[in-house]
Amino acid sequence: AEEVLRIARTLEVRKAILKERSPSCGVKWTYGREGLLEGMGLTAALLQREGIILVSDEELKGLP
């Protein structure tokens, strides 16, 4: 997560598309020991705290 944040800063990333349900990248849902949980993964949280706009890959489904 820290390395992704470092790269995002270096590249001046403003928006990121992340894999929903990933333990690290989930934007709204993530997997934990208890299974599927509502909440953000660590990488997603770090990027959001940095002010990066996050979009889930699932939000892109159905777009032209």
C-alpha atoms as a PDB file:
ATOM      1  CA  ALA A   1       0.000   0.000   0.000  1.00  0.00           C
ATOM      2  CA  GLU A   2       2.816   2.398   0.869  1.00  0.00           C
ATOM      3  CA  GLU A   3       4.577   1.658  -2.437  1.00  0.00           C
ATOM      4  CA  VAL A   4       1.378   2.302  -4.407  1.00  0.00           C
ATOM      5  CA  LEU A   5       0.970   5.608  -2.574  1.00  0.00           C
ATOM      6  CA  ARG A   6       4.586   6.551  -3.332  1.00  0.00           C
ATOM      7  CA  ILE A   7       4.072   5.812  -7.041  1.00  0.00           C
ATOM      8  CA  ALA A   8       0.765   7.719  -7.097  1.00  0.00           C
ATOM      9  CA  ARG A   9       2.485  10.763  -5.591  1.00  0.00           C
ATOM     10  CA  THR A  10       5.383  10.530  -8.046  1.00  0.00           C
ATOM     11  CA  LEU A  11       3.020  10.317 -11.028  1.00  0.00           C
ATOM     12  CA  GLU A  12       0.655  12.944  -9.579  1.00  0.00           C
ATOM     13  CA  VAL A  13      -2.299  10.580  -9.882  1.00  0.00           C
ATOM     14  CA  ARG A  14      -5.668  12.326  -9.453  1.00  0.00           C
ATOM     15  CA  LYS A  15      -8.033   9.371 -10.074  1.00  0.00           C
ATOM     16  CA  ALA A  16      -7.666   5.614  -9.712  1.00  0.00           C
ATOM     17  CA  ILE A  17      -9.727   2.605 -10.764  1.00  0.00           C
ATOM     18  CA  LEU A  18      -9.447  -0.145  -8.164  1.00  0.00           C
ATOM     19  CA  LYS A  19     -10.620  -3.757  -7.968  1.00  0.00           C
ATOM     20  CA  GLU A  20     -13.728  -3.998  -5.802  1.00  0.00           C
ATOM     21  CA  ARG A  21     -13.775  -6.735  -3.146  1.00  0.00           C
ATOM     22  CA  SER A  22      -9.980  -6.863  -3.067  1.00  0.00           C
ATOM     23  CA  PRO A  23      -8.598  -6.988   0.492  1.00  0.00           C
ATOM     24  CA  SER A  24      -6.344  -4.041  -0.286  1.00  0.00           C
ATOM     25  CA  CYS A  25      -8.054  -2.181  -3.134  1.00  0.00           C
ATOM     26  CA  GLY A  26     -11.741  -2.588  -2.357  1.00  0.00           C
ATOM     27  CA  VAL A  27     -13.438   0.805  -2.500  1.00  0.00           C
ATOM     28  CA  LYS A  28     -16.751  -0.140  -0.857  1.00  0.00           C
ATOM     29  CA  TRP A  29     -16.302  -3.853  -0.124  1.00  0.00           C
ATOM     30  CA  THR A  30     -13.318  -5.917   0.964  1.00  0.00           C
ATOM     31  CA  TYR A  31     -12.613  -9.451   2.084  1.00  0.00           C
ATOM     32  CA  GLY A  32     -11.405 -10.081   5.605  1.00  0.00           C
ATOM     33  CA  ARG A  33     -11.172 -13.061   7.917  1.00  0.00           C
ATOM     34  CA  GLU A  34     -14.951 -12.973   8.334  1.00  0.00           C
ATOM     35  CA  GLY A  35     -15.604 -12.950   4.583  1.00  0.00           C
ATOM     36  CA  LEU A  36     -17.033 -10.047   2.602  1.00  0.00           C
ATOM     37  CA  LEU A  37     -17.127  -6.848   4.657  1.00  0.00           C
ATOM     38  CA  GLU A  38     -18.392  -3.381   3.919  1.00  0.00           C
ATOM     39  CA  GLY A  39     -15.506  -0.941   3.952  1.00  0.00           C
ATOM     40  CA  MET A  40     -12.301   0.098   2.241  1.00  0.00           C
ATOM     41  CA  GLY A  41      -9.094  -1.804   1.779  1.00  0.00           C
ATOM     42  CA  LEU A  42      -5.804  -0.384   3.058  1.00  0.00           C
ATOM     43  CA  THR A  43      -4.508   0.834  -0.296  1.00  0.00           C
ATOM     44  CA  ALA A  44      -7.847   2.419  -1.165  1.00  0.00           C
ATOM     45  CA  ALA A  45      -7.937   4.217   2.185  1.00  0.00           C
ATOM     46  CA  LEU A  46      -4.388   5.562   1.778  1.00  0.00           C
ATOM     47  CA  LEU A  47      -5.126   6.830  -1.722  1.00  0.00           C
ATOM     48  CA  GLN A  48      -8.380   8.466  -0.635  1.00  0.00           C
ATOM     49  CA  ARG A  49      -6.638  10.150   2.301  1.00  0.00           C
ATOM     50  CA  GLU A  50      -4.184  11.553  -0.248  1.00  0.00           C
ATOM     51  CA  GLY A  51      -7.142  13.141  -2.070  1.00  0.00           C
ATOM     52  CA  ILE A  52      -7.205  10.737  -5.000  1.00  0.00           C
ATOM     53  CA  ILE A  53     -10.661  10.095  -6.458  1.00  0.00           C
ATOM     54  CA  LEU A  54     -11.410   6.373  -6.323  1.00  0.00           C
ATOM     55  CA  VAL A  55     -13.615   4.455  -8.738  1.00  0.00           C
ATOM     56  CA  SER A  56     -14.469   0.787  -8.356  1.00  0.00           C
ATOM     57  CA  ASP A  57     -14.100  -1.459 -11.385  1.00  0.00           C
ATOM     58  CA  GLU A  58     -17.713  -2.483 -10.755  1.00  0.00           C
ATOM     59  CA  GLU A  59     -18.845   1.128 -11.218  1.00  0.00           C
ATOM     60  CA  LEU A  60     -17.482   0.980 -14.766  1.00  0.00           C
ATOM     61  CA  LYS A  61     -19.601  -1.990 -15.796  1.00  0.00           C
ATOM     62  CA  GLY A  62     -22.326  -1.013 -18.193  1.00  0.00           C
ATOM     63  CA  LEU A  63     -20.758   2.276 -19.236  1.00  0.00           C
ATOM     64  CA  PRO A  64     -20.521   2.877 -22.981  1.00  0.00           C
END
